[in-house]
Amino acid sequence: MTAAREGAPVDASASETLRAAVLAALRDIGVTRVFDGAAPRAAVPFALLRELVATDWGSKTHAGRELRVGVTIRDEGLSGARAERLGAAAEAALLALPAALGAWQVVSAAPARFALVAEPPARWAALIDVRVRMLALG
């Protein structure tokens, strides 16, 4: 590892920075609430940030992180159409995250999974996973 990657600590970790940006982005997709982690019983449809898994990703000269973001949209009804539409809106919001996030630069965001799952009786879960690669600025 070079000195550039071992340098001064970054203001906030990539995970913390991305978590805040994802929660803010999900608030604008038309759900009743956005939860970070476990959700209590809540009015549907709601969004849940399931997990944020980070691994090392960078170069010899730049510290970086690859983060897998997992989001679930929960809904109920005879059709999963609304859950699917909200899932697509959530995915679009994640793919459109701002390039500059505090001390981090979003280099790329790519869809990893989108699934609509029926959960009887008449409940739906849209599962969205996005891969985000970030480099530390400075």
N, C-alpha and C. Protein backbone atom coordinates (compact mmCIF):
# COMPACT_ATOMS: atom_id res chain seq x y z
N MET A 1 0.84 -1.17 0.00
CA MET A 1 0.00 0.00 0.00
C MET A 1 0.89 1.24 0.00
N THR A 2 0.56 2.23 -0.80
CA THR A 2 1.37 3.43 -0.88
C THR A 2 0.95 4.43 0.18
N ALA A 3 1.78 5.46 0.36
CA ALA A 3 1.48 6.49 1.36
C ALA A 3 0.17 7.19 1.07
N ALA A 4 -0.18 7.37 -0.22
CA ALA A 4 -1.42 8.06 -0.57
C ALA A 4 -2.64 7.31 -0.01
N ARG A 5 -2.61 6.00 0.00
CA ARG A 5 -3.74 5.23 0.52
C ARG A 5 -3.72 5.14 2.03
N GLU A 6 -2.55 5.33 2.63
CA GLU A 6 -2.45 5.27 4.09
C GLU A 6 -2.57 6.66 4.71
N GLY A 7 -2.78 7.68 3.89
CA GLY A 7 -2.75 9.08 4.32
C GLY A 7 -3.74 9.41 5.41
N ALA A 8 -3.97 10.72 5.57
CA ALA A 8 -4.84 11.24 6.62
C ALA A 8 -6.24 10.65 6.49
N PRO A 9 -6.93 10.47 7.64
CA PRO A 9 -8.27 9.90 7.59
C PRO A 9 -9.23 10.83 6.85
N VAL A 10 -10.19 10.23 6.19
CA VAL A 10 -11.21 10.97 5.47
C VAL A 10 -12.26 11.44 6.46
N ASP A 11 -12.92 12.58 6.19
CA ASP A 11 -13.92 13.15 7.10
C ASP A 11 -14.95 12.12 7.56
N ALA A 12 -15.54 11.44 6.64
CA ALA A 12 -16.52 10.41 6.97
C ALA A 12 -16.23 9.21 6.08
N SER A 13 -16.53 8.03 6.59
CA SER A 13 -16.28 6.84 5.79
C SER A 13 -17.17 6.84 4.56
N ALA A 14 -16.75 6.10 3.56
CA ALA A 14 -17.55 5.97 2.35
C ALA A 14 -18.92 5.40 2.68
N SER A 15 -18.98 4.43 3.58
CA SER A 15 -20.25 3.82 3.96
C SER A 15 -21.20 4.82 4.59
N GLU A 16 -20.70 5.60 5.54
CA GLU A 16 -21.54 6.61 6.20
C GLU A 16 -22.04 7.65 5.21
N THR A 17 -21.14 8.09 4.34
CA THR A 17 -21.48 9.11 3.36
C THR A 17 -22.52 8.59 2.38
N LEU A 18 -22.32 7.37 1.88
CA LEU A 18 -23.27 6.81 0.92
C LEU A 18 -24.60 6.51 1.59
N ARG A 19 -24.58 6.01 2.81
CA ARG A 19 -25.83 5.71 3.53
C ARG A 19 -26.70 6.96 3.62
N ALA A 20 -26.11 8.10 4.00
CA ALA A 20 -26.87 9.34 4.11
C ALA A 20 -27.44 9.76 2.75
N ALA A 21 -26.64 9.62 1.68
CA ALA A 21 -27.10 10.00 0.35
C ALA A 21 -28.23 9.09 -0.14
N VAL A 22 -28.13 7.80 0.13
CA VAL A 22 -29.16 6.85 -0.28
C VAL A 22 -30.46 7.13 0.45
N LEU A 23 -30.40 7.33 1.76
CA LEU A 23 -31.62 7.61 2.53
C LEU A 23 -32.30 8.87 2.03
N ALA A 24 -31.52 9.91 1.73
CA ALA A 24 -32.08 11.16 1.20
C ALA A 24 -32.72 10.93 -0.16
N ALA A 25 -32.08 10.17 -1.03
CA ALA A 25 -32.60 9.91 -2.37
C ALA A 25 -33.91 9.12 -2.31
N LEU A 26 -34.01 8.16 -1.39
CA LEU A 26 -35.20 7.33 -1.30
C LEU A 26 -36.42 8.11 -0.79
N ARG A 27 -36.19 9.19 -0.07
CA ARG A 27 -37.31 9.99 0.45
C ARG A 27 -38.10 10.66 -0.67
N ASP A 28 -37.52 10.75 -1.86
CA ASP A 28 -38.17 11.45 -2.97
C ASP A 28 -38.84 10.53 -3.99
N ILE A 29 -39.02 9.26 -3.69
CA ILE A 29 -39.57 8.34 -4.70
C ILE A 29 -41.06 8.08 -4.53
N GLY A 30 -41.67 8.61 -3.48
CA GLY A 30 -43.11 8.45 -3.31
C GLY A 30 -43.55 7.36 -2.35
N VAL A 31 -42.69 7.00 -1.41
CA VAL A 31 -43.08 6.03 -0.38
C VAL A 31 -43.53 6.77 0.88
N THR A 32 -44.22 6.05 1.78
CA THR A 32 -44.70 6.70 3.00
C THR A 32 -43.58 7.00 3.98
N ARG A 33 -42.60 6.09 4.09
CA ARG A 33 -41.47 6.26 5.01
C ARG A 33 -40.26 5.57 4.43
N VAL A 34 -39.09 5.97 4.93
CA VAL A 34 -37.82 5.34 4.57
C VAL A 34 -37.17 4.90 5.88
N PHE A 35 -36.79 3.63 5.94
CA PHE A 35 -36.19 3.08 7.15
C PHE A 35 -34.76 2.65 6.88
N ASP A 36 -33.92 2.84 7.88
CA ASP A 36 -32.53 2.41 7.82
C ASP A 36 -32.41 1.18 8.71
N GLY A 37 -32.34 0.01 8.09
CA GLY A 37 -32.28 -1.22 8.87
C GLY A 37 -33.69 -1.77 9.06
N ALA A 38 -33.94 -2.39 10.20
CA ALA A 38 -35.23 -3.02 10.46
C ALA A 38 -36.35 -1.99 10.50
N ALA A 39 -37.47 -2.37 9.91
CA ALA A 39 -38.64 -1.50 9.88
C ALA A 39 -39.72 -2.05 10.80
N PRO A 40 -40.27 -1.20 11.64
CA PRO A 40 -41.42 -1.64 12.43
C PRO A 40 -42.62 -1.78 11.49
N ARG A 41 -43.72 -2.24 12.00
CA ARG A 41 -44.92 -2.29 11.16
C ARG A 41 -45.23 -0.86 10.74
N ALA A 42 -45.32 -0.66 9.47
CA ALA A 42 -45.53 0.68 8.95
C ALA A 42 -46.50 0.64 7.79
N ALA A 43 -47.09 1.79 7.50
CA ALA A 43 -47.99 1.89 6.36
C ALA A 43 -47.20 1.69 5.08
N VAL A 44 -47.76 0.92 4.16
CA VAL A 44 -47.11 0.67 2.88
C VAL A 44 -47.57 1.72 1.88
N PRO A 45 -46.83 1.97 0.87
CA PRO A 45 -45.52 1.38 0.58
C PRO A 45 -44.41 2.10 1.34
N PHE A 46 -43.40 1.35 1.77
CA PHE A 46 -42.25 1.98 2.41
C PHE A 46 -40.96 1.40 1.85
N ALA A 47 -39.87 2.15 2.04
CA ALA A 47 -38.55 1.73 1.57
C ALA A 47 -37.70 1.37 2.77
N LEU A 48 -36.87 0.36 2.59
CA LEU A 48 -36.00 -0.13 3.65
C LEU A 48 -34.59 -0.28 3.09
N LEU A 49 -33.64 0.42 3.68
CA LEU A 49 -32.23 0.22 3.32
C LEU A 49 -31.79 -1.02 4.07
N ARG A 50 -31.62 -2.13 3.33
CA ARG A 50 -31.31 -3.43 3.95
C ARG A 50 -29.88 -3.50 4.43
N GLU A 51 -28.96 -3.35 3.51
CA GLU A 51 -27.55 -3.47 3.87
C GLU A 51 -26.72 -2.60 2.95
N LEU A 52 -25.54 -2.33 3.43
CA LEU A 52 -24.56 -1.60 2.65
C LEU A 52 -23.23 -2.31 2.92
N VAL A 53 -22.76 -3.06 1.94
CA VAL A 53 -21.56 -3.87 2.11
C VAL A 53 -20.41 -3.20 1.36
N ALA A 54 -19.31 -2.95 2.07
CA ALA A 54 -18.17 -2.24 1.47
C ALA A 54 -16.96 -3.16 1.35
N THR A 55 -16.27 -3.03 0.23
CA THR A 55 -15.00 -3.72 0.02
C THR A 55 -14.00 -2.72 -0.52
N ASP A 56 -12.73 -3.06 -0.39
CA ASP A 56 -11.68 -2.18 -0.87
C ASP A 56 -11.74 -2.10 -2.39
N TRP A 57 -11.58 -0.89 -2.91
CA TRP A 57 -11.55 -0.69 -4.35
C TRP A 57 -10.85 0.64 -4.58
N GLY A 58 -9.83 0.64 -5.34
CA GLY A 58 -9.10 1.87 -5.59
C GLY A 58 -7.91 1.60 -6.48
N SER A 59 -6.91 2.46 -6.34
CA SER A 59 -5.70 2.31 -7.14
C SER A 59 -4.50 2.54 -6.23
N LYS A 60 -3.31 2.50 -6.80
CA LYS A 60 -2.11 2.73 -6.00
C LYS A 60 -2.07 4.15 -5.45
N THR A 61 -2.75 5.06 -6.11
CA THR A 61 -2.67 6.47 -5.70
C THR A 61 -3.95 7.01 -5.07
N HIS A 62 -5.05 6.26 -5.13
CA HIS A 62 -6.32 6.75 -4.59
C HIS A 62 -7.02 5.68 -3.77
N ALA A 63 -7.41 6.04 -2.56
CA ALA A 63 -8.21 5.14 -1.73
C ALA A 63 -9.61 5.08 -2.31
N GLY A 64 -10.19 3.90 -2.32
CA GLY A 64 -11.54 3.75 -2.86
C GLY A 64 -12.29 2.63 -2.20
N ARG A 65 -13.61 2.65 -2.38
CA ARG A 65 -14.47 1.61 -1.83
C ARG A 65 -15.50 1.23 -2.88
N GLU A 66 -15.81 -0.07 -2.94
CA GLU A 66 -16.94 -0.54 -3.73
C GLU A 66 -18.00 -0.91 -2.72
N LEU A 67 -19.19 -0.36 -2.90
CA LEU A 67 -20.28 -0.59 -1.95
C LEU A 67 -21.47 -1.20 -2.68
N ARG A 68 -22.02 -2.24 -2.08
CA ARG A 68 -23.25 -2.85 -2.58
C ARG A 68 -24.39 -2.36 -1.70
N VAL A 69 -25.33 -1.69 -2.32
CA VAL A 69 -26.47 -1.12 -1.61
C VAL A 69 -27.68 -2.00 -1.85
N GLY A 70 -28.33 -2.43 -0.78
CA GLY A 70 -29.54 -3.23 -0.88
C GLY A 70 -30.74 -2.46 -0.35
N VAL A 71 -31.77 -2.34 -1.18
CA VAL A 71 -33.00 -1.63 -0.81
C VAL A 71 -34.18 -2.54 -1.08
N THR A 72 -35.16 -2.51 -0.17
CA THR A 72 -36.41 -3.23 -0.38
C THR A 72 -37.56 -2.24 -0.33
N ILE A 73 -38.46 -2.36 -1.30
CA ILE A 73 -39.71 -1.61 -1.28
C ILE A 73 -40.79 -2.61 -0.87
N ARG A 74 -41.52 -2.32 0.18
CA ARG A 74 -42.58 -3.22 0.64
C ARG A 74 -43.93 -2.57 0.33
N ASP A 75 -44.85 -3.40 -0.19
CA ASP A 75 -46.17 -2.92 -0.56
C ASP A 75 -47.16 -4.08 -0.39
N GLU A 76 -48.43 -3.78 -0.55
CA GLU A 76 -49.44 -4.82 -0.52
C GLU A 76 -50.52 -4.49 -1.54
N GLY A 77 -51.24 -5.49 -1.95
CA GLY A 77 -52.31 -5.33 -2.94
C GLY A 77 -52.38 -6.55 -3.83
N LEU A 78 -53.40 -6.60 -4.67
CA LEU A 78 -53.58 -7.75 -5.55
C LEU A 78 -52.51 -7.82 -6.63
N SER A 79 -51.97 -6.68 -7.00
CA SER A 79 -50.96 -6.62 -8.05
C SER A 79 -49.66 -6.06 -7.47
N GLY A 80 -48.55 -6.49 -8.03
CA GLY A 80 -47.26 -5.96 -7.62
C GLY A 80 -46.82 -4.76 -8.46
N ALA A 81 -47.74 -4.22 -9.25
CA ALA A 81 -47.38 -3.14 -10.18
C ALA A 81 -46.84 -1.91 -9.46
N ARG A 82 -47.47 -1.50 -8.36
CA ARG A 82 -46.97 -0.31 -7.65
C ARG A 82 -45.61 -0.58 -7.04
N ALA A 83 -45.42 -1.74 -6.44
CA ALA A 83 -44.12 -2.09 -5.86
C ALA A 83 -43.05 -2.10 -6.95
N GLU A 84 -43.38 -2.63 -8.11
CA GLU A 84 -42.42 -2.66 -9.22
C GLU A 84 -42.09 -1.23 -9.68
N ARG A 85 -43.10 -0.37 -9.78
CA ARG A 85 -42.88 1.02 -10.20
C ARG A 85 -42.02 1.76 -9.17
N LEU A 86 -42.31 1.58 -7.90
CA LEU A 86 -41.52 2.23 -6.86
C LEU A 86 -40.10 1.66 -6.80
N GLY A 87 -39.97 0.36 -7.06
CA GLY A 87 -38.64 -0.24 -7.13
C GLY A 87 -37.82 0.36 -8.25
N ALA A 88 -38.46 0.57 -9.40
CA ALA A 88 -37.77 1.19 -10.53
C ALA A 88 -37.37 2.63 -10.19
N ALA A 89 -38.23 3.34 -9.47
CA ALA A 89 -37.90 4.71 -9.05
C ALA A 89 -36.74 4.71 -8.06
N ALA A 90 -36.72 3.73 -7.16
CA ALA A 90 -35.62 3.63 -6.20
C ALA A 90 -34.32 3.33 -6.91
N GLU A 91 -34.34 2.40 -7.86
CA GLU A 91 -33.14 2.08 -8.62
C GLU A 91 -32.64 3.31 -9.38
N ALA A 92 -33.55 4.03 -10.03
CA ALA A 92 -33.17 5.24 -10.77
C ALA A 92 -32.55 6.27 -9.85
N ALA A 93 -33.12 6.43 -8.64
CA ALA A 93 -32.58 7.40 -7.68
C ALA A 93 -31.16 7.01 -7.26
N LEU A 94 -30.92 5.72 -7.06
CA LEU A 94 -29.58 5.27 -6.67
C LEU A 94 -28.58 5.43 -7.80
N LEU A 95 -29.03 5.19 -9.02
CA LEU A 95 -28.13 5.33 -10.17
C LEU A 95 -27.83 6.80 -10.48
N ALA A 96 -28.66 7.70 -9.96
CA ALA A 96 -28.48 9.14 -10.21
C ALA A 96 -27.90 9.88 -9.00
N LEU A 97 -27.26 9.16 -8.09
CA LEU A 97 -26.66 9.83 -6.93
C LEU A 97 -25.67 10.90 -7.42
N PRO A 98 -25.54 12.00 -6.67
CA PRO A 98 -24.60 13.04 -7.10
C PRO A 98 -23.17 12.51 -7.16
N ALA A 99 -22.39 13.05 -8.07
CA ALA A 99 -21.01 12.59 -8.24
C ALA A 99 -20.16 12.94 -7.02
N ALA A 100 -20.36 14.10 -6.45
CA ALA A 100 -19.57 14.53 -5.29
C ALA A 100 -20.40 14.29 -4.03
N LEU A 101 -19.88 13.47 -3.14
CA LEU A 101 -20.52 13.19 -1.86
C LEU A 101 -19.51 13.47 -0.75
N GLY A 102 -19.47 14.69 -0.28
CA GLY A 102 -18.53 15.04 0.78
C GLY A 102 -17.11 14.84 0.33
N ALA A 103 -16.39 14.02 1.07
CA ALA A 103 -14.98 13.75 0.77
C ALA A 103 -14.81 12.61 -0.22
N TRP A 104 -15.91 12.19 -0.86
CA TRP A 104 -15.88 11.06 -1.78
C TRP A 104 -16.43 11.45 -3.14
N GLN A 105 -15.94 10.78 -4.16
CA GLN A 105 -16.38 10.98 -5.55
C GLN A 105 -17.00 9.67 -6.03
N VAL A 106 -18.25 9.71 -6.48
CA VAL A 106 -18.87 8.52 -7.06
C VAL A 106 -18.29 8.36 -8.46
N VAL A 107 -17.63 7.25 -8.68
CA VAL A 107 -17.01 6.96 -9.98
C VAL A 107 -17.99 6.24 -10.89
N SER A 108 -18.75 5.30 -10.32
CA SER A 108 -19.75 4.59 -11.11
C SER A 108 -20.83 4.03 -10.20
N ALA A 109 -22.00 3.88 -10.78
CA ALA A 109 -23.13 3.22 -10.11
C ALA A 109 -23.77 2.32 -11.16
N ALA A 110 -23.95 1.06 -10.82
CA ALA A 110 -24.50 0.10 -11.79
C ALA A 110 -25.52 -0.80 -11.11
N PRO A 111 -26.62 -1.11 -11.81
CA PRO A 111 -27.60 -2.04 -11.24
C PRO A 111 -27.00 -3.43 -11.09
N ALA A 112 -27.30 -4.09 -9.98
CA ALA A 112 -26.81 -5.44 -9.74
C ALA A 112 -27.96 -6.45 -9.70
N ARG A 113 -29.15 -6.01 -9.19
CA ARG A 113 -30.30 -6.92 -9.12
C ARG A 113 -31.57 -6.10 -8.96
N PHE A 114 -32.62 -6.58 -9.61
CA PHE A 114 -33.97 -6.04 -9.41
C PHE A 114 -34.90 -7.24 -9.46
N ALA A 115 -35.61 -7.48 -8.39
CA ALA A 115 -36.52 -8.62 -8.34
C ALA A 115 -37.82 -8.20 -7.66
N LEU A 116 -38.93 -8.68 -8.18
CA LEU A 116 -40.23 -8.48 -7.56
C LEU A 116 -40.66 -9.81 -6.98
N VAL A 117 -40.89 -9.84 -5.67
CA VAL A 117 -41.20 -11.09 -4.98
C VAL A 117 -42.59 -10.99 -4.36
N ALA A 118 -43.42 -11.98 -4.62
CA ALA A 118 -44.74 -12.07 -4.01
C ALA A 118 -44.60 -12.72 -2.64
N GLU A 119 -45.25 -12.11 -1.65
CA GLU A 119 -45.23 -12.63 -0.28
C GLU A 119 -46.69 -12.76 0.18
N PRO A 120 -47.27 -13.95 0.02
CA PRO A 120 -48.68 -14.12 0.37
C PRO A 120 -48.95 -13.75 1.82
N PRO A 121 -50.12 -13.25 2.14
CA PRO A 121 -51.19 -12.93 1.21
C PRO A 121 -51.10 -11.48 0.74
N ALA A 122 -51.08 -11.28 -0.53
CA ALA A 122 -51.17 -9.97 -1.19
C ALA A 122 -50.12 -8.96 -0.73
N ARG A 123 -48.91 -9.43 -0.46
CA ARG A 123 -47.81 -8.52 -0.11
C ARG A 123 -46.72 -8.67 -1.16
N TRP A 124 -45.97 -7.60 -1.37
CA TRP A 124 -44.95 -7.56 -2.41
C TRP A 124 -43.68 -6.94 -1.88
N ALA A 125 -42.57 -7.42 -2.40
CA ALA A 125 -41.27 -6.83 -2.08
C ALA A 125 -40.49 -6.65 -3.38
N ALA A 126 -40.09 -5.43 -3.64
CA ALA A 126 -39.20 -5.16 -4.76
C ALA A 126 -37.80 -5.07 -4.17
N LEU A 127 -36.90 -5.93 -4.63
CA LEU A 127 -35.54 -5.98 -4.11
C LEU A 127 -34.61 -5.32 -5.13
N ILE A 128 -33.90 -4.30 -4.69
CA ILE A 128 -33.03 -3.54 -5.56
C ILE A 128 -31.62 -3.58 -4.98
N ASP A 129 -30.65 -3.95 -5.79
CA ASP A 129 -29.24 -3.92 -5.39
C ASP A 129 -28.48 -3.13 -6.44
N VAL A 130 -27.63 -2.22 -5.97
CA VAL A 130 -26.83 -1.37 -6.84
C VAL A 130 -25.40 -1.40 -6.35
N ARG A 131 -24.45 -1.45 -7.30
CA ARG A 131 -23.02 -1.40 -6.97
C ARG A 131 -22.55 0.02 -7.21
N VAL A 132 -21.92 0.62 -6.17
CA VAL A 132 -21.40 1.98 -6.27
C VAL A 132 -19.91 1.95 -5.97
N ARG A 133 -19.13 2.54 -6.87
CA ARG A 133 -17.68 2.65 -6.65
C ARG A 133 -17.34 4.12 -6.38
N MET A 134 -16.56 4.32 -5.30
CA MET A 134 -16.23 5.68 -4.87
C MET A 134 -14.72 5.80 -4.62
N LEU A 135 -14.20 6.98 -4.91
CA LEU A 135 -12.81 7.30 -4.60
C LEU A 135 -12.77 8.45 -3.61
N ALA A 136 -11.81 8.39 -2.69
CA ALA A 136 -11.62 9.48 -1.74
C ALA A 136 -11.04 10.68 -2.48
N LEU A 137 -11.55 11.86 -2.20
CA LEU A 137 -11.02 13.08 -2.81
C LEU A 137 -9.81 13.55 -2.02
N GLY A 138 -8.89 14.17 -2.72
CA GLY A 138 -7.75 14.76 -2.02
C GLY A 138 -6.52 13.94 -2.01
